[in-house]
Amino acid sequence: LIGWVGLKGAVPIILATYPFVAGVEQAEYIFNLVFFIVLTSIVVQGASLPWVSKWLDLEEESSHDSSPLHTSDLYATLDGELKQVVVHPESEAVGRNIAQLALPEGSLIALIQRSNKYIIPRGSTIIEGKDKLFLLLEHDQLTSIKSFLGKPPSKGGK
């Protein structure tokens, strides 16, 4: 495999410049020909690399399982709930970053949908009104989260 894809091209291209230095007639033709052959071999060898590695039995199985997570698998193994809450535009959470929210223990903002974009939240992510928060919650926490995120702060005696 190393012989097939090893370093090729740099030395021939450098050597093809020598005719220029020596003043050889048609030196440009020699350089262009060498350059074309090097590029062609790179393309052919690069494109055939998966086939050659398979033929030499040098393919390695991926250790990463990148298969999509199915919702039914998630709910079957999750010790809690996956819920979504829309942040009220006048909520106390608006304008604060996630680290300042002091969410109850056992709750996690997993994803934020803002307009048509999805945001992976960080502690410094600022909450905006009408954000849709996808929360992982231990059971019975939804009510307290909704009361904090879903409605505006109470006004005086009302």
N, C-alpha and C. Protein backbone atom coordinates (compact mmCIF):
# COMPACT_ATOMS: atom_id res chain seq x y z
N LEU A 1 0.84 -1.20 0.00
CA LEU A 1 0.00 0.00 0.00
C LEU A 1 0.88 1.26 0.00
N ILE A 2 1.95 1.24 0.77
CA ILE A 2 2.85 2.39 0.80
C ILE A 2 3.49 2.60 -0.57
N GLY A 3 3.85 1.51 -1.24
CA GLY A 3 4.42 1.62 -2.59
C GLY A 3 3.42 2.21 -3.58
N TRP A 4 2.14 1.91 -3.36
CA TRP A 4 1.11 2.39 -4.28
C TRP A 4 0.84 3.88 -4.07
N VAL A 5 0.80 4.33 -2.82
CA VAL A 5 0.42 5.72 -2.55
C VAL A 5 1.56 6.55 -1.99
N GLY A 6 2.76 5.99 -1.94
CA GLY A 6 3.90 6.70 -1.35
C GLY A 6 4.19 8.01 -2.04
N LEU A 7 5.17 8.74 -1.52
CA LEU A 7 5.53 10.03 -2.07
C LEU A 7 5.99 9.89 -3.52
N LYS A 8 5.29 10.55 -4.37
CA LYS A 8 5.63 10.53 -5.80
C LYS A 8 5.38 11.93 -6.33
N GLY A 9 6.22 12.37 -7.18
CA GLY A 9 5.95 13.61 -7.87
C GLY A 9 6.87 14.75 -7.56
N ALA A 10 7.25 14.93 -6.32
CA ALA A 10 8.08 16.09 -5.97
C ALA A 10 9.44 16.02 -6.65
N VAL A 11 10.07 14.85 -6.57
CA VAL A 11 11.40 14.71 -7.17
C VAL A 11 11.36 14.85 -8.70
N PRO A 12 10.44 14.16 -9.41
CA PRO A 12 10.40 14.35 -10.86
C PRO A 12 10.14 15.79 -11.28
N ILE A 13 9.28 16.49 -10.53
CA ILE A 13 8.98 17.88 -10.89
C ILE A 13 10.23 18.75 -10.67
N ILE A 14 10.94 18.53 -9.59
CA ILE A 14 12.18 19.28 -9.35
C ILE A 14 13.20 18.96 -10.44
N LEU A 15 13.35 17.68 -10.77
CA LEU A 15 14.30 17.30 -11.82
C LEU A 15 13.91 17.87 -13.18
N ALA A 16 12.61 18.04 -13.40
CA ALA A 16 12.15 18.60 -14.68
C ALA A 16 12.49 20.09 -14.80
N THR A 17 12.86 20.73 -13.72
CA THR A 17 13.27 22.14 -13.81
C THR A 17 14.72 22.28 -14.26
N TYR A 18 15.50 21.22 -14.15
CA TYR A 18 16.92 21.28 -14.53
C TYR A 18 17.13 21.65 -16.01
N PRO A 19 16.30 21.12 -16.93
CA PRO A 19 16.50 21.54 -18.32
C PRO A 19 16.34 23.05 -18.51
N PHE A 20 15.44 23.70 -17.71
CA PHE A 20 15.32 25.16 -17.79
C PHE A 20 16.65 25.82 -17.42
N VAL A 21 17.22 25.36 -16.30
CA VAL A 21 18.47 25.95 -15.81
C VAL A 21 19.60 25.73 -16.81
N ALA A 22 19.60 24.56 -17.44
CA ALA A 22 20.67 24.22 -18.38
C ALA A 22 20.45 24.85 -19.76
N GLY A 23 19.27 25.44 -19.98
CA GLY A 23 18.99 26.07 -21.26
C GLY A 23 18.70 25.07 -22.37
N VAL A 24 18.18 23.89 -22.03
CA VAL A 24 17.87 22.85 -23.01
C VAL A 24 16.68 23.30 -23.85
N GLU A 25 16.79 22.99 -25.15
CA GLU A 25 15.71 23.32 -26.07
C GLU A 25 14.48 22.48 -25.69
N GLN A 26 13.30 23.05 -25.75
CA GLN A 26 12.02 22.43 -25.42
C GLN A 26 11.94 22.00 -23.94
N ALA A 27 12.59 22.74 -23.08
CA ALA A 27 12.57 22.46 -21.64
C ALA A 27 11.15 22.62 -21.08
N GLU A 28 10.40 23.58 -21.63
CA GLU A 28 9.02 23.78 -21.17
C GLU A 28 8.17 22.56 -21.49
N TYR A 29 8.36 21.96 -22.65
CA TYR A 29 7.63 20.76 -23.04
C TYR A 29 7.95 19.62 -22.07
N ILE A 30 9.22 19.44 -21.73
CA ILE A 30 9.62 18.38 -20.80
C ILE A 30 8.96 18.60 -19.43
N PHE A 31 9.00 19.83 -18.95
CA PHE A 31 8.39 20.13 -17.65
C PHE A 31 6.89 19.86 -17.67
N ASN A 32 6.19 20.33 -18.71
CA ASN A 32 4.74 20.12 -18.81
C ASN A 32 4.39 18.64 -18.87
N LEU A 33 5.18 17.86 -19.61
CA LEU A 33 4.94 16.43 -19.71
C LEU A 33 5.11 15.75 -18.35
N VAL A 34 6.19 16.05 -17.64
CA VAL A 34 6.43 15.47 -16.31
C VAL A 34 5.32 15.88 -15.35
N PHE A 35 4.94 17.14 -15.38
CA PHE A 35 3.89 17.63 -14.48
C PHE A 35 2.57 16.91 -14.75
N PHE A 36 2.22 16.72 -16.02
CA PHE A 36 0.99 16.01 -16.38
C PHE A 36 1.03 14.57 -15.91
N ILE A 37 2.14 13.89 -16.09
CA ILE A 37 2.26 12.49 -15.66
C ILE A 37 2.13 12.40 -14.13
N VAL A 38 2.75 13.30 -13.40
CA VAL A 38 2.66 13.29 -11.94
C VAL A 38 1.22 13.51 -11.49
N LEU A 39 0.55 14.50 -12.07
CA LEU A 39 -0.85 14.76 -11.70
C LEU A 39 -1.74 13.58 -12.03
N THR A 40 -1.55 12.96 -13.19
CA THR A 40 -2.35 11.81 -13.57
C THR A 40 -2.14 10.65 -12.61
N SER A 41 -0.89 10.40 -12.23
CA SER A 41 -0.64 9.29 -11.30
C SER A 41 -1.25 9.57 -9.93
N ILE A 42 -1.23 10.81 -9.49
CA ILE A 42 -1.84 11.15 -8.20
C ILE A 42 -3.34 10.92 -8.25
N VAL A 43 -3.99 11.33 -9.32
CA VAL A 43 -5.44 11.16 -9.44
C VAL A 43 -5.80 9.68 -9.52
N VAL A 44 -5.09 8.92 -10.35
CA VAL A 44 -5.39 7.50 -10.50
C VAL A 44 -5.14 6.75 -9.20
N GLN A 45 -4.00 7.00 -8.58
CA GLN A 45 -3.68 6.30 -7.35
C GLN A 45 -4.60 6.73 -6.20
N GLY A 46 -4.93 7.99 -6.13
CA GLY A 46 -5.83 8.45 -5.08
C GLY A 46 -7.22 7.87 -5.22
N ALA A 47 -7.72 7.84 -6.46
CA ALA A 47 -9.06 7.30 -6.70
C ALA A 47 -9.12 5.80 -6.46
N SER A 48 -8.03 5.11 -6.68
CA SER A 48 -8.03 3.65 -6.53
C SER A 48 -7.62 3.19 -5.14
N LEU A 49 -7.31 4.12 -4.24
CA LEU A 49 -6.85 3.76 -2.90
C LEU A 49 -7.83 2.86 -2.15
N PRO A 50 -9.14 3.16 -2.12
CA PRO A 50 -10.05 2.25 -1.40
C PRO A 50 -10.03 0.83 -1.97
N TRP A 51 -9.99 0.72 -3.29
CA TRP A 51 -9.98 -0.60 -3.92
C TRP A 51 -8.69 -1.35 -3.58
N VAL A 52 -7.54 -0.68 -3.66
CA VAL A 52 -6.25 -1.32 -3.37
C VAL A 52 -6.18 -1.76 -1.92
N SER A 53 -6.62 -0.91 -0.99
CA SER A 53 -6.56 -1.30 0.42
C SER A 53 -7.49 -2.47 0.71
N LYS A 54 -8.61 -2.52 0.03
CA LYS A 54 -9.53 -3.67 0.18
C LYS A 54 -8.89 -4.92 -0.41
N TRP A 55 -8.28 -4.79 -1.57
CA TRP A 55 -7.63 -5.93 -2.25
C TRP A 55 -6.49 -6.48 -1.40
N LEU A 56 -5.75 -5.59 -0.73
CA LEU A 56 -4.65 -6.02 0.14
C LEU A 56 -5.14 -6.42 1.54
N ASP A 57 -6.45 -6.36 1.74
CA ASP A 57 -7.07 -6.71 3.02
C ASP A 57 -6.52 -5.85 4.15
N LEU A 58 -6.41 -4.56 3.88
CA LEU A 58 -5.89 -3.63 4.87
C LEU A 58 -6.96 -2.66 5.38
N GLU A 59 -8.21 -2.92 5.04
CA GLU A 59 -9.28 -2.06 5.54
C GLU A 59 -9.51 -2.35 7.01
N GLU A 60 -9.74 -1.31 7.75
CA GLU A 60 -10.01 -1.45 9.17
C GLU A 60 -11.44 -1.06 9.43
N GLU A 61 -12.12 -1.85 10.21
CA GLU A 61 -13.50 -1.52 10.56
C GLU A 61 -13.51 -0.26 11.40
N SER A 62 -14.47 0.58 11.16
CA SER A 62 -14.59 1.81 11.92
C SER A 62 -15.00 1.50 13.35
N SER A 63 -14.33 2.14 14.28
CA SER A 63 -14.67 1.94 15.68
C SER A 63 -15.79 2.87 16.12
N HIS A 64 -16.20 3.77 15.23
CA HIS A 64 -17.25 4.72 15.56
C HIS A 64 -18.55 4.25 14.92
N ASP A 65 -19.57 4.13 15.74
CA ASP A 65 -20.89 3.77 15.23
C ASP A 65 -21.61 5.07 14.92
N SER A 66 -21.69 5.40 13.65
CA SER A 66 -22.32 6.66 13.27
C SER A 66 -23.75 6.45 12.79
N SER A 67 -24.34 5.31 13.14
CA SER A 67 -25.71 5.07 12.73
C SER A 67 -26.62 6.03 13.49
N PRO A 68 -27.70 6.45 12.84
CA PRO A 68 -28.59 7.41 13.49
C PRO A 68 -29.27 6.80 14.71
N LEU A 69 -29.52 7.63 15.71
CA LEU A 69 -30.21 7.19 16.90
C LEU A 69 -31.71 7.23 16.63
N HIS A 70 -32.37 6.14 16.86
CA HIS A 70 -33.81 6.09 16.65
C HIS A 70 -34.51 6.52 17.93
N THR A 71 -35.55 7.30 17.80
CA THR A 71 -36.25 7.83 18.95
C THR A 71 -36.74 6.73 19.87
N SER A 72 -37.21 5.62 19.30
CA SER A 72 -37.70 4.53 20.14
C SER A 72 -36.58 3.95 20.99
N ASP A 73 -35.36 3.87 20.45
CA ASP A 73 -34.21 3.39 21.22
C ASP A 73 -33.90 4.36 22.36
N LEU A 74 -33.98 5.64 22.08
CA LEU A 74 -33.69 6.66 23.08
C LEU A 74 -34.67 6.57 24.24
N TYR A 75 -35.96 6.54 23.93
CA TYR A 75 -36.96 6.53 24.99
C TYR A 75 -36.92 5.24 25.81
N ALA A 76 -36.53 4.15 25.19
CA ALA A 76 -36.48 2.87 25.90
C ALA A 76 -35.38 2.86 26.96
N THR A 77 -34.31 3.61 26.74
CA THR A 77 -33.17 3.57 27.65
C THR A 77 -33.02 4.82 28.50
N LEU A 78 -33.80 5.84 28.24
CA LEU A 78 -33.66 7.11 28.93
C LEU A 78 -34.32 7.05 30.30
N ASP A 79 -33.59 7.46 31.32
CA ASP A 79 -34.14 7.53 32.67
C ASP A 79 -34.65 8.94 32.89
N GLY A 80 -35.73 9.28 32.25
CA GLY A 80 -36.28 10.62 32.32
C GLY A 80 -37.12 10.88 31.09
N GLU A 81 -37.23 12.14 30.76
CA GLU A 81 -38.08 12.53 29.64
C GLU A 81 -37.34 13.50 28.73
N LEU A 82 -37.68 13.46 27.47
CA LEU A 82 -37.20 14.45 26.51
C LEU A 82 -38.40 15.33 26.18
N LYS A 83 -38.32 16.60 26.57
CA LYS A 83 -39.44 17.53 26.38
C LYS A 83 -38.96 18.78 25.68
N GLN A 84 -39.92 19.49 25.11
CA GLN A 84 -39.58 20.77 24.50
C GLN A 84 -40.43 21.86 25.13
N VAL A 85 -39.78 23.00 25.33
CA VAL A 85 -40.44 24.15 25.94
C VAL A 85 -40.10 25.37 25.10
N VAL A 86 -41.11 26.16 24.80
CA VAL A 86 -40.88 27.41 24.08
C VAL A 86 -40.72 28.52 25.12
N VAL A 87 -39.65 29.29 25.00
CA VAL A 87 -39.36 30.36 25.95
C VAL A 87 -40.26 31.55 25.62
N HIS A 88 -41.01 31.99 26.62
CA HIS A 88 -41.89 33.15 26.45
C HIS A 88 -41.01 34.38 26.25
N PRO A 89 -41.37 35.27 25.32
CA PRO A 89 -40.55 36.46 25.05
C PRO A 89 -40.30 37.34 26.28
N GLU A 90 -41.17 37.28 27.30
CA GLU A 90 -40.99 38.10 28.49
C GLU A 90 -40.52 37.28 29.69
N SER A 91 -40.04 36.07 29.44
CA SER A 91 -39.56 35.21 30.52
C SER A 91 -38.32 35.79 31.18
N GLU A 92 -38.12 35.46 32.44
CA GLU A 92 -36.93 35.90 33.16
C GLU A 92 -35.65 35.34 32.54
N ALA A 93 -35.76 34.26 31.79
CA ALA A 93 -34.59 33.61 31.19
C ALA A 93 -34.06 34.37 29.98
N VAL A 94 -34.89 35.17 29.34
CA VAL A 94 -34.48 35.87 28.12
C VAL A 94 -33.34 36.84 28.43
N GLY A 95 -32.29 36.76 27.62
CA GLY A 95 -31.14 37.63 27.78
C GLY A 95 -30.09 37.07 28.73
N ARG A 96 -30.37 35.95 29.34
CA ARG A 96 -29.40 35.33 30.26
C ARG A 96 -28.75 34.15 29.56
N ASN A 97 -27.51 33.85 29.97
CA ASN A 97 -26.88 32.67 29.39
C ASN A 97 -27.28 31.43 30.17
N ILE A 98 -27.07 30.27 29.60
CA ILE A 98 -27.53 29.02 30.20
C ILE A 98 -26.92 28.80 31.58
N ALA A 99 -25.67 29.17 31.75
CA ALA A 99 -25.01 28.99 33.05
C ALA A 99 -25.70 29.80 34.15
N GLN A 100 -26.34 30.91 33.80
CA GLN A 100 -27.02 31.75 34.79
C GLN A 100 -28.43 31.28 35.11
N LEU A 101 -28.94 30.30 34.39
CA LEU A 101 -30.33 29.90 34.57
C LEU A 101 -30.59 29.12 35.85
N ALA A 102 -29.57 28.46 36.37
CA ALA A 102 -29.73 27.64 37.58
C ALA A 102 -30.88 26.65 37.41
N LEU A 103 -30.81 25.87 36.35
CA LEU A 103 -31.81 24.84 36.12
C LEU A 103 -31.72 23.79 37.22
N PRO A 104 -32.83 23.13 37.52
CA PRO A 104 -32.79 22.10 38.56
C PRO A 104 -31.82 20.97 38.21
N GLU A 105 -31.23 20.37 39.23
CA GLU A 105 -30.33 19.24 39.00
C GLU A 105 -31.12 18.13 38.31
N GLY A 106 -30.49 17.48 37.36
CA GLY A 106 -31.16 16.42 36.61
C GLY A 106 -31.86 16.95 35.38
N SER A 107 -31.62 18.21 35.02
CA SER A 107 -32.18 18.77 33.80
C SER A 107 -31.05 19.28 32.92
N LEU A 108 -31.24 19.15 31.64
CA LEU A 108 -30.19 19.52 30.69
C LEU A 108 -30.83 20.05 29.42
N ILE A 109 -30.36 21.20 28.95
CA ILE A 109 -30.80 21.71 27.65
C ILE A 109 -29.95 21.01 26.60
N ALA A 110 -30.56 20.13 25.82
CA ALA A 110 -29.82 19.32 24.85
C ALA A 110 -29.68 20.02 23.51
N LEU A 111 -30.67 20.84 23.13
CA LEU A 111 -30.67 21.46 21.81
C LEU A 111 -31.57 22.68 21.86
N ILE A 112 -31.23 23.69 21.08
CA ILE A 112 -32.06 24.89 20.98
C ILE A 112 -32.42 25.10 19.51
N GLN A 113 -33.72 25.31 19.27
CA GLN A 113 -34.15 25.67 17.92
C GLN A 113 -34.51 27.15 17.96
N ARG A 114 -33.80 27.91 17.13
CA ARG A 114 -34.02 29.35 17.05
C ARG A 114 -34.34 29.65 15.60
N SER A 115 -35.56 30.08 15.34
CA SER A 115 -36.07 30.25 13.97
C SER A 115 -35.93 28.90 13.27
N ASN A 116 -35.19 28.85 12.19
CA ASN A 116 -35.02 27.58 11.48
C ASN A 116 -33.64 26.99 11.69
N LYS A 117 -32.93 27.46 12.71
CA LYS A 117 -31.58 26.96 12.99
C LYS A 117 -31.58 26.18 14.29
N TYR A 118 -30.71 25.19 14.35
CA TYR A 118 -30.52 24.42 15.57
C TYR A 118 -29.17 24.78 16.15
N ILE A 119 -29.14 24.98 17.45
CA ILE A 119 -27.93 25.41 18.15
C ILE A 119 -27.59 24.37 19.20
N ILE A 120 -26.34 23.96 19.23
CA ILE A 120 -25.88 23.10 20.31
C ILE A 120 -25.52 24.03 21.46
N PRO A 121 -26.22 23.90 22.59
CA PRO A 121 -26.03 24.88 23.67
C PRO A 121 -24.73 24.70 24.43
N ARG A 122 -24.22 25.82 24.88
CA ARG A 122 -23.06 25.88 25.76
C ARG A 122 -23.47 26.74 26.96
N GLY A 123 -22.65 26.77 27.97
CA GLY A 123 -22.97 27.59 29.13
C GLY A 123 -23.10 29.06 28.78
N SER A 124 -22.40 29.51 27.75
CA SER A 124 -22.42 30.92 27.37
C SER A 124 -23.52 31.27 26.37
N THR A 125 -24.31 30.28 25.93
CA THR A 125 -25.38 30.54 24.97
C THR A 125 -26.46 31.41 25.62
N ILE A 126 -26.80 32.50 24.97
CA ILE A 126 -27.82 33.43 25.48
C ILE A 126 -29.20 32.95 25.03
N ILE A 127 -30.13 32.89 25.96
CA ILE A 127 -31.51 32.48 25.67
C ILE A 127 -32.26 33.67 25.10
N GLU A 128 -33.02 33.42 24.04
CA GLU A 128 -33.83 34.47 23.42
C GLU A 128 -35.30 34.07 23.49
N GLY A 129 -36.17 35.06 23.44
CA GLY A 129 -37.60 34.79 23.42
C GLY A 129 -37.96 33.98 22.19
N LYS A 130 -38.89 33.08 22.36
CA LYS A 130 -39.39 32.18 21.31
C LYS A 130 -38.40 31.07 20.96
N ASP A 131 -37.27 30.95 21.69
CA ASP A 131 -36.40 29.79 21.50
C ASP A 131 -37.18 28.54 21.89
N LYS A 132 -36.99 27.49 21.14
CA LYS A 132 -37.57 26.20 21.51
C LYS A 132 -36.44 25.37 22.11
N LEU A 133 -36.56 25.06 23.40
CA LEU A 133 -35.54 24.30 24.10
C LEU A 133 -35.94 22.84 24.16
N PHE A 134 -35.03 21.96 23.78
CA PHE A 134 -35.23 20.53 23.91
C PHE A 134 -34.49 20.11 25.17
N LEU A 135 -35.24 19.66 26.16
CA LEU A 135 -34.70 19.40 27.48
C LEU A 135 -34.74 17.92 27.82
N LEU A 136 -33.65 17.44 28.44
CA LEU A 136 -33.65 16.12 29.05
C LEU A 136 -33.92 16.34 30.52
N LEU A 137 -34.98 15.73 31.02
CA LEU A 137 -35.41 15.99 32.39
C LEU A 137 -35.64 14.70 33.14
N GLU A 138 -35.31 14.73 34.42
CA GLU A 138 -35.76 13.66 35.28
C GLU A 138 -37.27 13.85 35.43
N HIS A 139 -37.96 12.82 35.79
CA HIS A 139 -39.43 12.89 35.88
C HIS A 139 -39.88 13.99 36.83
N ASP A 140 -41.00 14.58 36.53
CA ASP A 140 -41.67 15.59 37.37
C ASP A 140 -40.94 16.93 37.45
N GLN A 141 -40.08 17.24 36.53
CA GLN A 141 -39.41 18.54 36.53
C GLN A 141 -40.00 19.49 35.49
N LEU A 142 -40.83 18.98 34.61
CA LEU A 142 -41.35 19.80 33.52
C LEU A 142 -42.14 20.99 34.03
N THR A 143 -42.94 20.81 35.05
CA THR A 143 -43.77 21.90 35.57
C THR A 143 -42.92 23.06 36.07
N SER A 144 -41.87 22.76 36.85
CA SER A 144 -41.04 23.85 37.37
C SER A 144 -40.25 24.54 36.26
N ILE A 145 -39.81 23.77 35.26
CA ILE A 145 -39.08 24.37 34.12
C ILE A 145 -40.02 25.27 33.32
N LYS A 146 -41.23 24.78 33.05
CA LYS A 146 -42.19 25.58 32.28
C LYS A 146 -42.55 26.86 33.02
N SER A 147 -42.67 26.77 34.34
CA SER A 147 -43.05 27.97 35.08
C SER A 147 -41.95 29.03 35.00
N PHE A 148 -40.69 28.59 34.87
CA PHE A 148 -39.58 29.53 34.78
C PHE A 148 -39.40 30.06 33.36
N LEU A 149 -39.46 29.18 32.36
CA LEU A 149 -39.18 29.55 30.98
C LEU A 149 -40.41 29.96 30.18
N GLY A 150 -41.54 29.41 30.54
CA GLY A 150 -42.71 29.54 29.69
C GLY A 150 -43.58 30.73 29.92
N LYS A 151 -43.37 31.46 31.01
CA LYS A 151 -44.25 32.62 31.26
C LYS A 151 -43.45 33.81 31.72
N PRO A 152 -44.01 35.00 31.59
CA PRO A 152 -43.29 36.19 32.03
C PRO A 152 -43.25 36.27 33.56
N PRO A 153 -42.33 37.07 34.09
CA PRO A 153 -42.29 37.22 35.54
C PRO A 153 -43.57 37.85 36.06
N SER A 154 -43.92 37.51 37.27
CA SER A 154 -45.16 38.06 37.84
C SER A 154 -44.98 39.56 38.07
N LYS A 155 -46.09 40.31 37.89
CA LYS A 155 -46.06 41.76 38.01
C LYS A 155 -46.75 42.15 39.33
N GLY A 156 -45.99 42.59 40.25
CA GLY A 156 -46.51 43.14 41.51
C GLY A 156 -47.61 42.31 42.14
N GLY A 157 -48.81 42.86 42.31
CA GLY A 157 -49.91 42.19 42.97
C GLY A 157 -50.86 41.50 42.04
N LYS A 158 -50.53 41.31 40.78
CA LYS A 158 -51.46 40.73 39.81
C LYS A 158 -51.39 39.25 39.81
